[in-house]
């Protein structure tokens, strides 16, 4: 199944540039290092990553993880390609009545060789 409210999926660019891709962030720096080593992307590529994730949602399966007060939490794994590099990226989404919002994003491994 596709992510609920996929047509209203929202990524706050600050989630990517200030946290996920920021090598200086106390908690996000580890994610940033993996994005850099696996895909060669940095804070400067935040908008590209956001657009790539949003486009990939339409061809990726969403898995319900749990329900919380504010909505449902979904996991969506996708393959992200940057130049000659490819990585499996896991995204987490909070899906409420109004929209689906990115809450986490990190590299989980390499792409399959058939990709």
PDB file of N, CA and C in Angstrom:
ATOM      1  N   UNK A   1       0.827  -1.179   0.000  1.00  0.00           N
ATOM      2  CA  UNK A   1       0.000   0.000   0.000  1.00  0.00           C
ATOM      3  C   UNK A   1       0.875   1.246   0.000  1.00  0.00           C
ATOM      4  N   UNK A   2       0.346   2.307  -0.581  1.00  0.00           N
ATOM      5  CA  UNK A   2       1.049   3.586  -0.556  1.00  0.00           C
ATOM      6  C   UNK A   2       0.820   4.277   0.781  1.00  0.00           C
ATOM      7  N   UNK A   3       1.679   5.207   1.091  1.00  0.00           N
ATOM      8  CA  UNK A   3       1.569   5.989   2.314  1.00  0.00           C
ATOM      9  C   UNK A   3       0.245   6.751   2.324  1.00  0.00           C
ATOM     10  N   UNK A   4      -0.529   6.670   3.410  1.00  0.00           N
ATOM     11  CA  UNK A   4      -1.756   7.467   3.492  1.00  0.00           C
ATOM     12  C   UNK A   4      -1.438   8.964   3.366  1.00  0.00           C
ATOM     13  N   UNK A   5      -2.329   9.693   2.746  1.00  0.00           N
ATOM     14  CA  UNK A   5      -2.149  11.137   2.522  1.00  0.00           C
ATOM     15  C   UNK A   5      -0.886  11.444   1.724  1.00  0.00           C
ATOM     16  N   UNK A   6      -0.505  10.524   0.848  1.00  0.00           N
ATOM     17  CA  UNK A   6       0.732  10.694   0.074  1.00  0.00           C
ATOM     18  C   UNK A   6       0.721  11.986  -0.734  1.00  0.00           C
ATOM     19  N   UNK A   7      -0.442  12.375  -1.207  1.00  0.00           N
ATOM     20  CA  UNK A   7      -0.529  13.599  -2.009  1.00  0.00           C
ATOM     21  C   UNK A   7      -0.307  14.856  -1.161  1.00  0.00           C
ATOM     22  N   UNK A   8      -0.346  14.690   0.158  1.00  0.00           N
ATOM     23  CA  UNK A   8      -0.092  15.809   1.073  1.00  0.00           C
ATOM     24  C   UNK A   8       1.120  15.514   1.961  1.00  0.00           C
ATOM     25  N   UNK A   9       2.049  14.733   1.448  1.00  0.00           N
ATOM     26  CA  UNK A   9       3.264  14.422   2.212  1.00  0.00           C
ATOM     27  C   UNK A   9       4.128  15.677   2.339  1.00  0.00           C
ATOM     28  N   UNK A  10       4.650  15.890   3.544  1.00  0.00           N
ATOM     29  CA  UNK A  10       5.410  17.102   3.853  1.00  0.00           C
ATOM     30  C   UNK A  10       6.764  16.724   4.453  1.00  0.00           C
ATOM     31  N   UNK A  11       7.791  17.365   3.946  1.00  0.00           N
ATOM     32  CA  UNK A  11       9.122  17.229   4.542  1.00  0.00           C
ATOM     33  C   UNK A  11       9.600  18.623   4.918  1.00  0.00           C
ATOM     34  N   UNK A  12       9.788  18.843   6.204  1.00  0.00           N
ATOM     35  CA  UNK A  12      10.374  20.101   6.674  1.00  0.00           C
ATOM     36  C   UNK A  12      11.865  20.024   6.343  1.00  0.00           C
ATOM     37  N   UNK A  13      12.314  20.873   5.448  1.00  0.00           N
ATOM     38  CA  UNK A  13      13.700  20.828   4.991  1.00  0.00           C
ATOM     39  C   UNK A  13      14.688  20.904   6.146  1.00  0.00           C
ATOM     40  N   UNK A  14      14.303  21.577   7.223  1.00  0.00           N
ATOM     41  CA  UNK A  14      15.183  21.676   8.395  1.00  0.00           C
ATOM     42  C   UNK A  14      15.450  20.310   9.020  1.00  0.00           C
ATOM     43  N   UNK A  15      14.505  19.378   8.910  1.00  0.00           N
ATOM     44  CA  UNK A  15      14.709  18.023   9.434  1.00  0.00           C
ATOM     45  C   UNK A  15      15.922  17.393   8.748  1.00  0.00           C
ATOM     46  N   UNK A  16      16.077  17.663   7.464  1.00  0.00           N
ATOM     47  CA  UNK A  16      17.201  17.108   6.716  1.00  0.00           C
ATOM     48  C   UNK A  16      18.472  17.933   6.899  1.00  0.00           C
ATOM     49  N   UNK A  17      18.378  19.247   6.751  1.00  0.00           N
ATOM     50  CA  UNK A  17      19.592  20.072   6.778  1.00  0.00           C
ATOM     51  C   UNK A  17      20.132  20.321   8.183  1.00  0.00           C
ATOM     52  N   UNK A  18      19.253  20.431   9.156  1.00  0.00           N
ATOM     53  CA  UNK A  18      19.707  20.712  10.524  1.00  0.00           C
ATOM     54  C   UNK A  18      19.988  19.452  11.334  1.00  0.00           C
ATOM     55  N   UNK A  19      19.490  18.303  10.862  1.00  0.00           N
ATOM     56  CA  UNK A  19      19.621  17.082  11.656  1.00  0.00           C
ATOM     57  C   UNK A  19      20.216  15.929  10.847  1.00  0.00           C
ATOM     58  N   UNK A  20      19.466  15.410   9.896  1.00  0.00           N
ATOM     59  CA  UNK A  20      19.855  14.182   9.186  1.00  0.00           C
ATOM     60  C   UNK A  20      21.169  14.326   8.418  1.00  0.00           C
ATOM     61  N   UNK A  21      21.404  15.461   7.777  1.00  0.00           N
ATOM     62  CA  UNK A  21      22.603  15.650   6.956  1.00  0.00           C
ATOM     63  C   UNK A  21      23.657  16.534   7.619  1.00  0.00           C
ATOM     64  N   UNK A  22      23.452  16.875   8.875  1.00  0.00           N
ATOM     65  CA  UNK A  22      24.339  17.799   9.580  1.00  0.00           C
ATOM     66  C   UNK A  22      25.396  17.034  10.375  1.00  0.00           C
ATOM     67  N   UNK A  23      26.631  17.066   9.895  1.00  0.00           N
ATOM     68  CA  UNK A  23      27.720  16.332  10.563  1.00  0.00           C
ATOM     69  C   UNK A  23      28.104  16.939  11.910  1.00  0.00           C
ATOM     70  N   UNK A  24      27.576  18.125  12.234  1.00  0.00           N
ATOM     71  CA  UNK A  24      27.863  18.765  13.522  1.00  0.00           C
ATOM     72  C   UNK A  24      26.775  18.528  14.561  1.00  0.00           C
ATOM     73  N   UNK A  25      25.643  17.977  14.146  1.00  0.00           N
ATOM     74  CA  UNK A  25      24.544  17.766  15.094  1.00  0.00           C
ATOM     75  C   UNK A  25      24.925  16.647  16.069  1.00  0.00           C
ATOM     76  N   UNK A  26      24.715  16.849  17.376  1.00  0.00           N
ATOM     77  CA  UNK A  26      25.121  15.848  18.370  1.00  0.00           C
ATOM     78  C   UNK A  26      24.501  14.468  18.147  1.00  0.00           C
ATOM     79  N   UNK A  27      23.279  14.412  17.654  1.00  0.00           N
ATOM     80  CA  UNK A  27      22.624  13.118  17.437  1.00  0.00           C
ATOM     81  C   UNK A  27      22.571  12.739  15.959  1.00  0.00           C
ATOM     82  N   UNK A  28      22.373  13.709  15.080  1.00  0.00           N
ATOM     83  CA  UNK A  28      22.223  13.424  13.660  1.00  0.00           C
ATOM     84  C   UNK A  28      23.522  13.203  12.914  1.00  0.00           C
ATOM     85  N   UNK A  29      24.645  13.535  13.537  1.00  0.00           N
ATOM     86  CA  UNK A  29      25.922  13.462  12.820  1.00  0.00           C
ATOM     87  C   UNK A  29      26.240  12.066  12.302  1.00  0.00           C
ATOM     88  N   UNK A  30      25.795  11.035  13.007  1.00  0.00           N
ATOM     89  CA  UNK A  30      26.072   9.666  12.565  1.00  0.00           C
ATOM     90  C   UNK A  30      25.297   9.351  11.288  1.00  0.00           C
ATOM     91  N   UNK A  31      24.043   9.792  11.231  1.00  0.00           N
ATOM     92  CA  UNK A  31      23.248   9.622  10.011  1.00  0.00           C
ATOM     93  C   UNK A  31      23.915  10.380   8.866  1.00  0.00           C
ATOM     94  N   UNK A  32      24.365  11.590   9.157  1.00  0.00           N
ATOM     95  CA  UNK A  32      24.989  12.431   8.132  1.00  0.00           C
ATOM     96  C   UNK A  32      26.233  11.768   7.552  1.00  0.00           C
ATOM     97  N   UNK A  33      27.031  11.171   8.399  1.00  0.00           N
ATOM     98  CA  UNK A  33      28.251  10.502   7.921  1.00  0.00           C
ATOM     99  C   UNK A  33      27.921   9.330   7.007  1.00  0.00           C
ATOM    100  N   UNK A  34      26.855   8.608   7.330  1.00  0.00           N
ATOM    101  CA  UNK A  34      26.466   7.468   6.496  1.00  0.00           C
ATOM    102  C   UNK A  34      25.907   7.955   5.161  1.00  0.00           C
ATOM    103  N   UNK A  35      25.109   9.014   5.165  1.00  0.00           N
ATOM    104  CA  UNK A  35      24.626   9.582   3.902  1.00  0.00           C
ATOM    105  C   UNK A  35      25.800  10.043   3.044  1.00  0.00           C
ATOM    106  N   UNK A  36      26.796  10.657   3.664  1.00  0.00           N
ATOM    107  CA  UNK A  36      27.968  11.121   2.925  1.00  0.00           C
ATOM    108  C   UNK A  36      28.747   9.951   2.334  1.00  0.00           C
ATOM    109  N   UNK A  37      28.997   8.925   3.125  1.00  0.00           N
ATOM    110  CA  UNK A  37      29.801   7.803   2.630  1.00  0.00           C
ATOM    111  C   UNK A  37      29.046   6.931   1.633  1.00  0.00           C
ATOM    112  N   UNK A  38      27.745   6.792   1.786  1.00  0.00           N
ATOM    113  CA  UNK A  38      27.004   5.898   0.891  1.00  0.00           C
ATOM    114  C   UNK A  38      26.502   6.584  -0.376  1.00  0.00           C
ATOM    115  N   UNK A  39      26.118   7.859  -0.275  1.00  0.00           N
ATOM    116  CA  UNK A  39      25.556   8.564  -1.431  1.00  0.00           C
ATOM    117  C   UNK A  39      26.342   9.811  -1.829  1.00  0.00           C
ATOM    118  N   UNK A  40      27.298  10.216  -0.991  1.00  0.00           N
ATOM    119  CA  UNK A  40      28.079  11.407  -1.291  1.00  0.00           C
ATOM    120  C   UNK A  40      27.300  12.699  -1.133  1.00  0.00           C
ATOM    121  N   UNK A  41      26.254  12.692  -0.296  1.00  0.00           N
ATOM    122  CA  UNK A  41      25.442  13.900  -0.139  1.00  0.00           C
ATOM    123  C   UNK A  41      25.696  14.567   1.207  1.00  0.00           C
ATOM    124  N   UNK A  42      25.534  15.894   1.201  1.00  0.00           N
ATOM    125  CA  UNK A  42      25.795  16.724   2.375  1.00  0.00           C
ATOM    126  C   UNK A  42      24.590  17.627   2.627  1.00  0.00           C
ATOM    127  N   UNK A  43      24.735  18.525   3.582  1.00  0.00           N
ATOM    128  CA  UNK A  43      23.687  19.503   3.896  1.00  0.00           C
ATOM    129  C   UNK A  43      23.249  20.252   2.635  1.00  0.00           C
ATOM    130  N   UNK A  44      24.183  20.532   1.749  1.00  0.00           N
ATOM    131  CA  UNK A  44      23.871  21.262   0.517  1.00  0.00           C
ATOM    132  C   UNK A  44      22.891  20.499  -0.373  1.00  0.00           C
ATOM    133  N   UNK A  45      22.752  19.198  -0.157  1.00  0.00           N
ATOM    134  CA  UNK A  45      21.865  18.364  -0.968  1.00  0.00           C
ATOM    135  C   UNK A  45      20.518  18.118  -0.302  1.00  0.00           C
ATOM    136  N   UNK A  46      20.199  18.872   0.738  1.00  0.00           N
ATOM    137  CA  UNK A  46      18.959  18.653   1.475  1.00  0.00           C
ATOM    138  C   UNK A  46      17.711  18.748   0.620  1.00  0.00           C
ATOM    139  N   UNK A  47      17.626  19.774  -0.208  1.00  0.00           N
ATOM    140  CA  UNK A  47      16.444  19.935  -1.058  1.00  0.00           C
ATOM    141  C   UNK A  47      16.347  18.794  -2.069  1.00  0.00           C
ATOM    142  N   UNK A  48      17.490  18.398  -2.630  1.00  0.00           N
ATOM    143  CA  UNK A  48      17.503  17.264  -3.554  1.00  0.00           C
ATOM    144  C   UNK A  48      16.997  16.004  -2.856  1.00  0.00           C
ATOM    145  N   UNK A  49      17.472  15.744  -1.641  1.00  0.00           N
ATOM    146  CA  UNK A  49      17.043  14.555  -0.913  1.00  0.00           C
ATOM    147  C   UNK A  49      15.549  14.611  -0.618  1.00  0.00           C
ATOM    148  N   UNK A  50      15.043  15.761  -0.205  1.00  0.00           N
ATOM    149  CA  UNK A  50      13.610  15.898   0.067  1.00  0.00           C
ATOM    150  C   UNK A  50      12.790  15.591  -1.180  1.00  0.00           C
ATOM    151  N   UNK A  51      13.171  16.157  -2.309  1.00  0.00           N
ATOM    152  CA  UNK A  51      12.443  15.910  -3.560  1.00  0.00           C
ATOM    153  C   UNK A  51      12.540  14.457  -3.991  1.00  0.00           C
ATOM    154  N   UNK A  52      13.699  13.850  -3.798  1.00  0.00           N
ATOM    155  CA  UNK A  52      13.891  12.443  -4.156  1.00  0.00           C
ATOM    156  C   UNK A  52      13.019  11.544  -3.291  1.00  0.00           C
ATOM    157  N   UNK A  53      12.966  11.814  -2.000  1.00  0.00           N
ATOM    158  CA  UNK A  53      12.119  11.028  -1.096  1.00  0.00           C
ATOM    159  C   UNK A  53      10.656  11.164  -1.492  1.00  0.00           C
ATOM    160  N   UNK A  54      10.203  12.382  -1.731  1.00  0.00           N
ATOM    161  CA  UNK A  54       8.798  12.593  -2.097  1.00  0.00           C
ATOM    162  C   UNK A  54       8.445  11.864  -3.390  1.00  0.00           C
ATOM    163  N   UNK A  55       9.326  11.895  -4.374  1.00  0.00           N
ATOM    164  CA  UNK A  55       9.075  11.192  -5.635  1.00  0.00           C
ATOM    165  C   UNK A  55       9.080   9.681  -5.434  1.00  0.00           C
ATOM    166  N   UNK A  56       9.969   9.189  -4.580  1.00  0.00           N
ATOM    167  CA  UNK A  56      10.086   7.746  -4.349  1.00  0.00           C
ATOM    168  C   UNK A  56       8.907   7.173  -3.578  1.00  0.00           C
ATOM    169  N   UNK A  57       8.194   8.006  -2.838  1.00  0.00           N
ATOM    170  CA  UNK A  57       7.029   7.523  -2.084  1.00  0.00           C
ATOM    171  C   UNK A  57       6.006   6.850  -2.989  1.00  0.00           C
ATOM    172  N   UNK A  58       5.872   7.352  -4.207  1.00  0.00           N
ATOM    173  CA  UNK A  58       4.853   6.853  -5.131  1.00  0.00           C
ATOM    174  C   UNK A  58       5.164   5.455  -5.656  1.00  0.00           C
ATOM    175  N   UNK A  59       6.372   4.972  -5.454  1.00  0.00           N
ATOM    176  CA  UNK A  59       6.723   3.625  -5.918  1.00  0.00           C
ATOM    177  C   UNK A  59       7.258   2.748  -4.786  1.00  0.00           C
ATOM    178  N   UNK A  60       6.954   3.138  -3.547  1.00  0.00           N
ATOM    179  CA  UNK A  60       7.453   2.406  -2.377  1.00  0.00           C
ATOM    180  C   UNK A  60       6.302   1.982  -1.474  1.00  0.00           C
ATOM    181  N   UNK A  61       6.450   0.814  -0.884  1.00  0.00           N
ATOM    182  CA  UNK A  61       5.430   0.276   0.018  1.00  0.00           C
ATOM    183  C   UNK A  61       5.533   0.904   1.403  1.00  0.00           C
ATOM    184  N   UNK A  62       4.395   1.262   1.948  1.00  0.00           N
ATOM    185  CA  UNK A  62       4.329   1.794   3.312  1.00  0.00           C
ATOM    186  C   UNK A  62       3.863   0.688   4.252  1.00  0.00           C
ATOM    187  N   UNK A  63       4.510   0.585   5.402  1.00  0.00           N
ATOM    188  CA  UNK A  63       4.145  -0.417   6.408  1.00  0.00           C
ATOM    189  C   UNK A  63       3.740   0.284   7.695  1.00  0.00           C
ATOM    190  N   UNK A  64       2.538  -0.002   8.154  1.00  0.00           N
ATOM    191  CA  UNK A  64       2.055   0.560   9.413  1.00  0.00           C
ATOM    192  C   UNK A  64       2.889   0.007  10.559  1.00  0.00           C
ATOM    193  N   UNK A  65       3.398   0.895  11.415  1.00  0.00           N
ATOM    194  CA  UNK A  65       4.211   0.491  12.555  1.00  0.00           C
ATOM    195  C   UNK A  65       3.442   0.577  13.866  1.00  0.00           C
ATOM    196  N   UNK A  66       2.690   1.663  14.045  1.00  0.00           N
ATOM    197  CA  UNK A  66       1.942   1.841  15.290  1.00  0.00           C
ATOM    198  C   UNK A  66       0.964   3.000  15.149  1.00  0.00           C
ATOM    199  N   UNK A  67       0.109   3.106  16.146  1.00  0.00           N
ATOM    200  CA  UNK A  67      -0.808   4.243  16.248  1.00  0.00           C
ATOM    201  C   UNK A  67      -0.453   5.018  17.511  1.00  0.00           C
ATOM    202  N   UNK A  68      -0.443   6.338  17.397  1.00  0.00           N
ATOM    203  CA  UNK A  68      -0.230   7.195  18.559  1.00  0.00           C
ATOM    204  C   UNK A  68      -1.337   8.243  18.576  1.00  0.00           C
ATOM    205  N   UNK A  69      -1.340   9.060  19.588  1.00  0.00           N
ATOM    206  CA  UNK A  69      -2.383  10.074  19.747  1.00  0.00           C
ATOM    207  C   UNK A  69      -2.543  10.962  18.511  1.00  0.00           C
ATOM    208  N   UNK A  70      -1.438  11.311  17.851  1.00  0.00           N
ATOM    209  CA  UNK A  70      -1.466  12.258  16.738  1.00  0.00           C
ATOM    210  C   UNK A  70      -1.690  11.603  15.386  1.00  0.00           C
ATOM    211  N   UNK A  71      -1.748  10.281  15.319  1.00  0.00           N
ATOM    212  CA  UNK A  71      -1.956   9.610  14.044  1.00  0.00           C
ATOM    213  C   UNK A  71      -1.271   8.261  14.002  1.00  0.00           C
ATOM    214  N   UNK A  72      -0.984   7.820  12.797  1.00  0.00           N
ATOM    215  CA  UNK A  72      -0.352   6.519  12.588  1.00  0.00           C
ATOM    216  C   UNK A  72       1.090   6.717  12.123  1.00  0.00           C
ATOM    217  N   UNK A  73       1.969   5.843  12.601  1.00  0.00           N
ATOM    218  CA  UNK A  73       3.374   5.869  12.207  1.00  0.00           C
ATOM    219  C   UNK A  73       3.583   4.809  11.128  1.00  0.00           C
ATOM    220  N   UNK A  74       4.159   5.229  10.002  1.00  0.00           N
ATOM    221  CA  UNK A  74       4.448   4.326   8.891  1.00  0.00           C
ATOM    222  C   UNK A  74       5.938   4.327   8.595  1.00  0.00           C
ATOM    223  N   UNK A  75       6.409   3.188   8.113  1.00  0.00           N
ATOM    224  CA  UNK A  75       7.784   3.052   7.640  1.00  0.00           C
ATOM    225  C   UNK A  75       7.735   2.860   6.129  1.00  0.00           C
ATOM    226  N   UNK A  76       8.572   3.594   5.430  1.00  0.00           N
ATOM    227  CA  UNK A  76       8.680   3.444   3.981  1.00  0.00           C
ATOM    228  C   UNK A  76      10.161   3.328   3.634  1.00  0.00           C
ATOM    229  N   UNK A  77      10.554   2.171   3.110  1.00  0.00           N
ATOM    230  CA  UNK A  77      11.925   1.963   2.652  1.00  0.00           C
ATOM    231  C   UNK A  77      11.973   2.215   1.152  1.00  0.00           C
ATOM    232  N   UNK A  78      13.063   2.812   0.705  1.00  0.00           N
ATOM    233  CA  UNK A  78      13.195   3.140  -0.712  1.00  0.00           C
ATOM    234  C   UNK A  78      14.656   3.106  -1.116  1.00  0.00           C
ATOM    235  N   UNK A  79      14.885   2.954  -2.405  1.00  0.00           N
ATOM    236  CA  UNK A  79      16.241   3.030  -2.923  1.00  0.00           C
ATOM    237  C   UNK A  79      16.468   4.439  -3.450  1.00  0.00           C
ATOM    238  N   UNK A  80      17.558   5.045  -3.013  1.00  0.00           N
ATOM    239  CA  UNK A  80      17.907   6.401  -3.428  1.00  0.00           C
ATOM    240  C   UNK A  80      19.187   6.315  -4.255  1.00  0.00           C
ATOM    241  N   UNK A  81      19.134   6.881  -5.449  1.00  0.00           N
ATOM    242  CA  UNK A  81      20.272   6.849  -6.367  1.00  0.00           C
ATOM    243  C   UNK A  81      20.804   8.264  -6.545  1.00  0.00           C
ATOM    244  N   UNK A  82      22.118   8.396  -6.382  1.00  0.00           N
ATOM    245  CA  UNK A  82      22.799   9.674  -6.607  1.00  0.00           C
ATOM    246  C   UNK A  82      24.015   9.371  -7.462  1.00  0.00           C
ATOM    247  N   UNK A  83      23.961   9.743  -8.728  1.00  0.00           N
ATOM    248  CA  UNK A  83      25.049   9.425  -9.647  1.00  0.00           C
ATOM    249  C   UNK A  83      25.172   7.916  -9.807  1.00  0.00           C
ATOM    250  N   UNK A  84      26.348   7.378  -9.529  1.00  0.00           N
ATOM    251  CA  UNK A  84      26.593   5.940  -9.629  1.00  0.00           C
ATOM    252  C   UNK A  84      26.358   5.212  -8.308  1.00  0.00           C
ATOM    253  N   UNK A  85      25.915   5.931  -7.296  1.00  0.00           N
ATOM    254  CA  UNK A  85      25.718   5.347  -5.965  1.00  0.00           C
ATOM    255  C   UNK A  85      24.245   5.077  -5.697  1.00  0.00           C
ATOM    256  N   UNK A  86      24.001   4.035  -4.909  1.00  0.00           N
ATOM    257  CA  UNK A  86      22.630   3.675  -4.550  1.00  0.00           C
ATOM    258  C   UNK A  86      22.619   3.168  -3.113  1.00  0.00           C
ATOM    259  N   UNK A  87      21.636   3.626  -2.337  1.00  0.00           N
ATOM    260  CA  UNK A  87      21.506   3.189  -0.944  1.00  0.00           C
ATOM    261  C   UNK A  87      20.038   2.966  -0.614  1.00  0.00           C
ATOM    262  N   UNK A  88      19.798   2.001   0.266  1.00  0.00           N
ATOM    263  CA  UNK A  88      18.453   1.806   0.801  1.00  0.00           C
ATOM    264  C   UNK A  88      18.270   2.802   1.935  1.00  0.00           C
ATOM    265  N   UNK A  89      17.211   3.587   1.853  1.00  0.00           N
ATOM    266  CA  UNK A  89      16.928   4.612   2.851  1.00  0.00           C
ATOM    267  C   UNK A  89      15.595   4.289   3.513  1.00  0.00           C
ATOM    268  N   UNK A  90      15.579   4.333   4.827  1.00  0.00           N
ATOM    269  CA  UNK A  90      14.345   4.120   5.599  1.00  0.00           C
ATOM    270  C   UNK A  90      13.810   5.478   6.024  1.00  0.00           C
ATOM    271  N   UNK A  91      12.532   5.692   5.759  1.00  0.00           N
ATOM    272  CA  UNK A  91      11.872   6.917   6.190  1.00  0.00           C
ATOM    273  C   UNK A  91      10.745   6.554   7.139  1.00  0.00           C
ATOM    274  N   UNK A  92      10.503   7.431   8.102  1.00  0.00           N
ATOM    275  CA  UNK A  92       9.400   7.260   9.041  1.00  0.00           C
ATOM    276  C   UNK A  92       8.458   8.439   8.906  1.00  0.00           C
ATOM    277  N   UNK A  93       7.163   8.147   8.944  1.00  0.00           N
ATOM    278  CA  UNK A  93       6.144   9.167   8.692  1.00  0.00           C
ATOM    279  C   UNK A  93       5.071   9.142   9.762  1.00  0.00           C
ATOM    280  N   UNK A  94       4.628  10.328  10.155  1.00  0.00           N
ATOM    281  CA  UNK A  94       3.463  10.482  11.015  1.00  0.00           C
ATOM    282  C   UNK A  94       2.317  10.905  10.106  1.00  0.00           C
ATOM    283  N   UNK A  95       1.320  10.040   9.998  1.00  0.00           N
ATOM    284  CA  UNK A  95       0.179  10.301   9.122  1.00  0.00           C
ATOM    285  C   UNK A  95      -1.035  10.647   9.964  1.00  0.00           C
ATOM    286  N   UNK A  96      -1.443  11.904   9.877  1.00  0.00           N
ATOM    287  CA  UNK A  96      -2.634  12.371  10.565  1.00  0.00           C
ATOM    288  C   UNK A  96      -3.739  12.620   9.557  1.00  0.00           C
ATOM    289  N   UNK A  97      -4.803  13.240  10.002  1.00  0.00           N
ATOM    290  CA  UNK A  97      -5.942  13.512   9.128  1.00  0.00           C
ATOM    291  C   UNK A  97      -5.587  14.517   8.035  1.00  0.00           C
ATOM    292  N   UNK A  98      -4.660  15.412   8.324  1.00  0.00           N
ATOM    293  CA  UNK A  98      -4.331  16.495   7.392  1.00  0.00           C
ATOM    294  C   UNK A  98      -3.207  16.153   6.414  1.00  0.00           C
ATOM    295  N   UNK A  99      -2.176  15.466   6.882  1.00  0.00           N
ATOM    296  CA  UNK A  99      -0.994  15.258   6.046  1.00  0.00           C
ATOM    297  C   UNK A  99      -0.149  14.112   6.581  1.00  0.00           C
ATOM    298  N   UNK A 100       0.844  13.739   5.784  1.00  0.00           N
ATOM    299  CA  UNK A 100       1.875  12.788   6.203  1.00  0.00           C
ATOM    300  C   UNK A 100       3.158  13.593   6.365  1.00  0.00           C
ATOM    301  N   UNK A 101       3.787  13.506   7.533  1.00  0.00           N
ATOM    302  CA  UNK A 101       4.987  14.300   7.818  1.00  0.00           C
ATOM    303  C   UNK A 101       6.181  13.388   8.090  1.00  0.00           C
ATOM    304  N   UNK A 102       7.302  13.701   7.450  1.00  0.00           N
ATOM    305  CA  UNK A 102       8.536  12.952   7.684  1.00  0.00           C
ATOM    306  C   UNK A 102       9.004  13.192   9.112  1.00  0.00           C
ATOM    307  N   UNK A 103       9.264  12.099   9.843  1.00  0.00           N
ATOM    308  CA  UNK A 103       9.770  12.235  11.208  1.00  0.00           C
ATOM    309  C   UNK A 103      11.187  11.685  11.362  1.00  0.00           C
ATOM    310  N   UNK A 104      11.611  10.808  10.457  1.00  0.00           N
ATOM    311  CA  UNK A 104      12.974  10.295  10.513  1.00  0.00           C
ATOM    312  C   UNK A 104      13.394   9.792   9.140  1.00  0.00           C
ATOM    313  N   UNK A 105      14.699   9.680   8.960  1.00  0.00           N
ATOM    314  CA  UNK A 105      15.250   9.259   7.676  1.00  0.00           C
ATOM    315  C   UNK A 105      16.695   8.829   7.907  1.00  0.00           C
ATOM    316  N   UNK A 106      17.059   7.633   7.428  1.00  0.00           N
ATOM    317  CA  UNK A 106      18.436   7.177   7.584  1.00  0.00           C
ATOM    318  C   UNK A 106      18.731   6.056   6.602  1.00  0.00           C
ATOM    319  N   UNK A 107      20.011   5.851   6.306  1.00  0.00           N
ATOM    320  CA  UNK A 107      20.460   4.794   5.403  1.00  0.00           C
ATOM    321  C   UNK A 107      20.463   3.478   6.161  1.00  0.00           C
ATOM    322  N   UNK A 108      19.902   2.428   5.535  1.00  0.00           N
ATOM    323  CA  UNK A 108      19.877   1.111   6.174  1.00  0.00           C
ATOM    324  C   UNK A 108      20.743   0.085   5.448  1.00  0.00           C
ATOM    325  N   UNK A 109      21.282   0.437   4.299  1.00  0.00           N
ATOM    326  CA  UNK A 109      22.141  -0.506   3.603  1.00  0.00           C
ATOM    327  C   UNK A 109      22.336  -0.142   2.148  1.00  0.00           C
ATOM    328  N   UNK A 110      22.950  -1.069   1.432  1.00  0.00           N
ATOM    329  CA  UNK A 110      23.202  -0.881   0.009  1.00  0.00           C
ATOM    330  C   UNK A 110      22.017  -1.391  -0.789  1.00  0.00           C
ATOM    331  N   UNK A 111      21.908  -0.928  -2.015  1.00  0.00           N
ATOM    332  CA  UNK A 111      20.848  -1.400  -2.904  1.00  0.00           C
ATOM    333  C   UNK A 111      21.147  -2.826  -3.348  1.00  0.00           C
ATOM    334  N   UNK A 112      20.097  -3.514  -3.754  1.00  0.00           N
ATOM    335  CA  UNK A 112      20.269  -4.844  -4.322  1.00  0.00           C
ATOM    336  C   UNK A 112      21.078  -4.722  -5.610  1.00  0.00           C
ATOM    337  N   UNK A 113      21.835  -5.745  -5.933  1.00  0.00           N
ATOM    338  CA  UNK A 113      22.666  -5.706  -7.139  1.00  0.00           C
ATOM    339  C   UNK A 113      21.840  -5.653  -8.407  1.00  0.00           C
ATOM    340  N   UNK A 114      20.584  -6.082  -8.354  1.00  0.00           N
ATOM    341  CA  UNK A 114      19.732  -6.086  -9.541  1.00  0.00           C
ATOM    342  C   UNK A 114      19.196  -4.706  -9.867  1.00  0.00           C
ATOM    343  N   UNK A 115      19.416  -3.743  -8.967  1.00  0.00           N
ATOM    344  CA  UNK A 115      18.895  -2.385  -9.170  1.00  0.00           C
ATOM    345  C   UNK A 115      19.752  -1.617 -10.140  1.00  0.00           C
TER     346      UNK A 115
END
